[in-house]
Protein backbone atom coordinates (compact mmCIF):
# COMPACT_ATOMS: atom_id res chain seq x y z
CA MET A 1 -70.95 165.00 64.65
CA ILE A 2 -69.76 166.75 60.73
CA LYS A 3 -70.21 163.29 59.40
CA ARG A 4 -74.00 162.75 60.88
CA PHE A 5 -74.96 166.17 59.43
CA ILE A 6 -73.61 165.38 55.49
CA VAL A 7 -75.58 162.27 56.11
CA LEU A 8 -79.00 163.90 56.89
CA GLY A 9 -78.63 166.13 54.52
CA MET A 10 -78.06 163.40 51.63
CA LEU A 11 -80.60 161.34 52.93
CA LEU A 12 -83.20 164.42 53.04
CA LEU A 13 -82.05 165.27 49.78
CA ALA A 14 -82.57 161.68 48.69
CA VAL A 15 -86.14 161.57 49.87
CA GLY A 16 -87.28 164.52 47.81
CA LEU A 17 -85.75 163.34 44.84
CA GLN A 18 -87.42 159.69 45.03
CA ALA A 19 -90.46 161.52 45.91
CA TYR A 20 -90.69 164.10 43.03
CA PRO A 21 -87.96 162.35 40.53
CA LEU A 22 -85.60 164.96 38.79
CA TYR A 23 -86.54 164.24 34.78
CA PHE A 24 -87.91 166.92 32.54
CA ALA A 25 -92.01 166.67 31.64
CA LYS A 26 -94.52 169.32 31.73
CA ARG A 27 -95.81 170.90 34.54
CA VAL A 28 -98.99 170.47 36.47
CA LYS A 29 -100.61 173.49 35.07
CA ASN A 30 -100.16 176.08 37.36
CA PRO A 31 -99.34 174.26 40.45
CA ASN A 32 -100.03 175.58 44.00
CA ARG A 33 -97.95 173.70 46.25
CA PHE A 34 -94.25 173.25 45.83
CA LEU A 35 -91.31 171.51 48.25
CA ARG A 36 -88.04 173.03 48.64
CA VAL A 37 -85.14 171.44 50.01
CA SER A 38 -81.69 173.19 50.12
CA ILE A 39 -78.42 173.25 52.55
CA SER A 40 -76.40 175.86 53.33
CA PRO A 41 -72.78 176.61 55.37
CA LEU A 42 -73.39 179.10 57.84
CA LEU A 43 -71.09 181.87 58.92
CA GLY A 44 -71.60 182.57 62.54
CA PHE A 45 -71.64 186.01 64.53
CA TYR A 46 -71.33 185.31 68.03
CA ASN A 47 -71.30 187.65 71.12
CA ILE A 48 -70.36 186.75 74.77
CA ASN A 49 -69.65 188.65 77.94
CA THR A 50 -66.14 189.32 77.41
CA ARG A 51 -65.39 189.88 81.35
CA HIS A 52 -65.44 186.38 81.03
CA ALA A 53 -64.70 185.00 78.09
CA THR A 54 -62.27 185.83 74.71
CA LYS A 55 -63.99 186.77 71.86
CA PRO A 56 -65.62 183.78 70.18
CA THR A 57 -64.47 181.89 67.00
CA GLN A 58 -66.98 180.18 64.86
CA ARG A 59 -66.40 176.53 64.20
CA MET A 60 -68.01 174.58 61.07
CA SER A 61 -71.53 174.84 61.14
CA GLY A 62 -74.57 174.22 58.45
CA VAL A 63 -78.39 173.77 58.09
CA ILE A 64 -80.79 171.44 56.05
CA SER A 65 -83.98 172.99 54.98
CA VAL A 66 -87.21 171.32 54.13
CA ARG A 67 -90.22 173.82 53.30
CA GLN A 68 -93.40 173.54 51.91
CA GLU A 69 -94.43 176.16 49.73
CA LEU A 70 -98.01 177.92 49.00
CA LYS A 71 -98.63 180.14 46.18
CA LEU A 72 -101.07 182.49 47.14
CA ASP A 73 -101.92 184.40 44.53
CA ARG A 74 -102.74 184.39 40.95
CA SER A 75 -99.68 186.18 39.70
CA ASN A 76 -97.45 184.04 40.74
CA LYS A 77 -95.40 186.19 42.99
CA VAL A 78 -96.52 185.80 46.41
CA PHE A 79 -96.02 182.75 48.45
CA PHE A 80 -95.93 181.31 52.12
CA LEU A 81 -93.33 178.94 53.22
CA TYR A 82 -93.51 176.31 56.20
CA GLY A 83 -91.10 172.98 56.95
CA VAL A 84 -88.30 172.33 59.32
CA ASP A 85 -84.65 173.33 59.35
CA TYR A 86 -81.62 171.61 61.13
CA LEU A 87 -78.68 173.33 62.18
CA LEU A 88 -75.73 172.13 62.98
CA HIS A 89 -73.10 175.19 64.74
CA GLY A 90 -70.43 175.68 67.32
CA LEU A 91 -67.85 178.08 68.79
CA ASN A 92 -64.79 178.57 70.14
CA PHE A 93 -63.99 180.63 73.16
CA LYS A 94 -60.99 180.99 76.09
CA SER A 95 -62.52 180.86 79.70
CA TYR A 96 -62.33 180.06 83.34
CA TYR A 97 -61.97 176.54 84.40
CA PHE A 98 -62.75 175.99 88.16
CA LYS A 99 -61.48 172.85 89.78
CA PRO A 100 -63.57 171.00 92.38
CA ASP A 101 -63.63 171.92 95.65
CA SER A 102 -61.98 175.15 94.48
CA ILE A 103 -63.03 178.82 95.35
CA GLN A 104 -64.23 180.99 92.21
CA LEU A 105 -62.45 183.49 91.87
CA TYR A 106 -62.06 185.28 89.25
CA THR A 107 -58.86 185.98 88.33
CA LYS A 108 -59.11 187.35 84.87
CA LYS A 109 -56.73 184.32 83.64
CA LEU A 110 -58.55 182.87 80.67
CA ASP A 111 -56.13 180.14 79.97
CA TYR A 112 -59.08 177.41 79.24
CA ASN A 113 -60.36 177.05 75.35
CA TYR A 114 -64.10 176.07 75.41
CA GLY A 115 -65.70 174.19 72.22
CA LEU A 116 -69.18 174.19 72.07
CA TYR A 117 -71.23 172.74 69.68
CA ILE A 118 -75.51 172.93 69.49
CA GLN A 119 -77.89 171.19 67.46
CA GLU A 120 -81.18 173.34 66.86
CA VAL A 121 -84.22 172.40 65.00
CA ASN A 122 -86.22 175.35 63.75
CA VAL A 123 -89.97 175.71 62.26
CA PRO A 124 -89.96 178.40 59.84
CA LEU A 125 -93.10 180.64 59.49
CA GLN A 126 -92.06 182.61 56.15
CA PHE A 127 -93.39 184.93 53.19
CA ARG A 128 -91.38 185.07 49.70
CA LEU A 129 -92.29 187.61 47.28
CA SER A 130 -91.11 187.52 43.63
CA PHE A 131 -90.17 190.20 41.74
CA LYS A 132 -91.46 188.60 38.50
CA ASN A 133 -94.38 186.23 37.26
CA GLU A 134 -92.78 182.73 37.78
CA ARG A 135 -94.73 181.13 35.22
CA ASN A 136 -93.58 183.15 32.46
CA ALA A 137 -90.02 184.19 33.55
CA VAL A 138 -86.79 182.03 32.90
CA VAL A 139 -85.41 183.65 36.33
CA SER A 140 -86.78 185.65 38.72
CA PRO A 141 -85.34 187.34 41.91
CA TYR A 142 -86.97 187.60 44.91
CA LEU A 143 -87.26 188.77 48.72
CA LEU A 144 -88.06 186.14 52.00
CA ALA A 145 -88.79 186.80 55.58
CA GLY A 146 -90.27 185.38 58.73
CA TYR A 147 -90.37 184.19 62.11
CA HIS A 148 -89.06 180.92 62.79
CA LEU A 149 -89.44 179.21 66.42
CA ARG A 150 -86.19 177.65 67.53
CA PHE A 151 -85.70 174.38 69.95
CA ILE A 152 -82.37 173.22 70.88
CA THR A 153 -82.04 169.47 70.88
CA THR A 154 -78.57 168.55 72.03
CA ALA A 155 -75.09 170.13 72.62
CA ASN A 156 -71.92 169.36 73.35
CA LEU A 157 -68.78 170.83 75.13
CA GLN A 158 -64.97 170.19 75.36
CA VAL A 159 -62.74 172.25 77.52
CA THR A 160 -59.32 171.52 77.35
CA GLN A 161 -55.77 173.15 78.32
CA ASN A 162 -52.30 172.79 76.76
CA GLY A 163 -53.52 170.29 74.18
CA ASN A 164 -55.10 168.10 77.35
CA THR A 165 -58.80 167.65 77.43
CA VAL A 166 -60.30 168.56 80.75
CA VAL A 167 -63.71 167.83 80.19
CA LYS A 168 -66.12 166.46 77.39
CA GLU A 169 -69.48 165.79 77.65
CA ASN A 170 -72.90 166.64 76.93
CA VAL A 171 -74.27 169.73 78.77
CA THR A 172 -77.75 171.22 78.72
CA VAL A 173 -77.52 174.46 76.71
CA GLN A 174 -81.24 176.75 77.17
CA PHE A 175 -81.81 180.31 76.42
CA ARG A 176 -81.81 183.17 78.02
CA ASN A 177 -85.46 184.46 77.40
CA SER A 178 -87.59 181.27 76.47
CA THR A 179 -91.09 180.24 75.46
CA LEU A 180 -92.86 177.82 77.57
CA VAL A 181 -89.78 175.65 78.04
CA PRO A 182 -85.74 176.72 78.94
CA GLN A 183 -84.91 174.94 75.07
CA LEU A 184 -87.57 176.89 72.80
CA SER A 185 -87.45 180.35 71.75
CA SER A 186 -87.81 182.29 68.54
CA GLY A 187 -86.17 184.37 65.62
CA ALA A 188 -86.51 186.16 62.28
CA CYS A 189 -85.10 185.62 58.56
CA VAL A 190 -84.31 187.68 55.66
CA ALA A 191 -83.33 186.66 52.26
CA PHE A 192 -82.62 187.58 49.12
CA GLY A 193 -82.53 184.98 46.51
CA VAL A 194 -82.61 183.84 42.54
CA GLN A 195 -84.66 181.11 41.47
CA LYS A 196 -84.25 179.40 37.89
CA ASN A 197 -87.48 178.46 36.17
CA PRO A 198 -87.57 175.74 32.89
CA ILE A 199 -90.81 176.43 31.78
CA ASN A 200 -91.16 172.63 30.63
CA ALA A 201 -88.99 171.56 33.33
CA GLY A 202 -90.59 169.39 36.73
CA VAL A 203 -87.50 170.93 38.74
CA ASN A 204 -86.46 174.47 39.73
CA GLY A 205 -83.08 175.30 41.35
CA PHE A 206 -82.56 178.39 43.63
CA VAL A 207 -79.66 180.20 45.36
CA GLU A 208 -80.42 182.76 48.18
CA LEU A 209 -78.35 184.73 50.75
CA THR A 210 -80.15 184.57 54.53
CA TYR A 211 -79.48 186.41 57.35
CA ARG A 212 -81.18 184.69 60.67
CA TYR A 213 -81.14 186.55 63.87
CA GLY A 214 -82.16 184.63 67.30
CA PHE A 215 -84.31 186.89 69.51
CA SER A 216 -82.67 185.13 72.91
CA GLN A 217 -79.33 184.30 74.02
CA TYR A 218 -77.84 180.63 74.68
CA TYR A 219 -76.04 179.98 77.98
CA PHE A 220 -75.28 177.09 79.76
CA GLN A 221 -74.53 176.45 83.91
CA LYS A 222 -71.45 174.44 85.10
CA ALA A 223 -69.91 174.42 88.76
CA TYR A 224 -66.61 174.63 86.50
CA SER A 225 -67.93 177.41 84.55
CA ALA A 226 -68.50 181.11 84.75
CA ASN A 227 -71.70 181.51 85.44
CA ALA A 228 -72.29 184.56 83.08
CA LEU A 229 -71.62 183.13 79.77
CA PHE A 230 -74.42 184.54 77.87
CA ILE A 231 -74.10 184.48 73.85
CA GLY A 232 -75.85 185.95 71.45
CA SER A 233 -75.97 184.74 67.87
CA GLY A 234 -77.04 185.79 64.41
CA PHE A 235 -76.23 183.30 60.96
CA LEU A 236 -75.37 184.25 57.56
CA GLY A 237 -75.68 181.57 54.88
CA LEU A 238 -75.66 181.04 51.25
CA ASN A 239 -78.64 178.09 50.82
CA LEU A 240 -78.32 175.99 47.43
CA GLY A 241 -81.30 174.05 46.58
CA LEU A 242 -84.41 172.47 44.42
CA ARG A 243 -88.26 172.96 44.31
CA PHE A 244 -89.86 170.57 42.99
């Protein structure tokens, strides 16, 4: 799964570079549309019902983003962004495991290790405010804020005890407060970034510190697991990207 994430990131970047080659040339006079491609590791902040599970820890996580950016004003300071984000994230925790045909007694013995990986596709709708005119400034700091739709595509769960795998399967992860379908919800994000604007080059670089927050908790239901494992989430990321 991690290999697929890395390969997908390389493919997306390759497609962007093929469409917009990395060479120094005169820019189109005052362009109004840009392509932004970025990749970021994620630091996940999860919370769970600790009556039925231990405090979760995160697994290796990351996001790949491809966005279109539209200039909204003549001062080159206000922009609107939309696009697609692919998130791969996960967590580990300990909880119960109820064997088939057993009585579900909550004994507080949390001796089974759960490892959950979730894949999401997000659709961001964002505004970006630059503190400087990006046509004139070599370096321009900015703020970004917006809303995003979240759609869970797949999830993988592994349950182990004493190093032995008890369950390894795809599970249906849903949102506790969903929109239209159980796998669809929403969230918000804010970011502070710095963009390098080579005046005579066709490609800009940027770095931004981003925080994502999901409005709804995740959950899954299996006969062997506790029913109230609602999982809240937030993510801190450091985006490294190019603007064409």
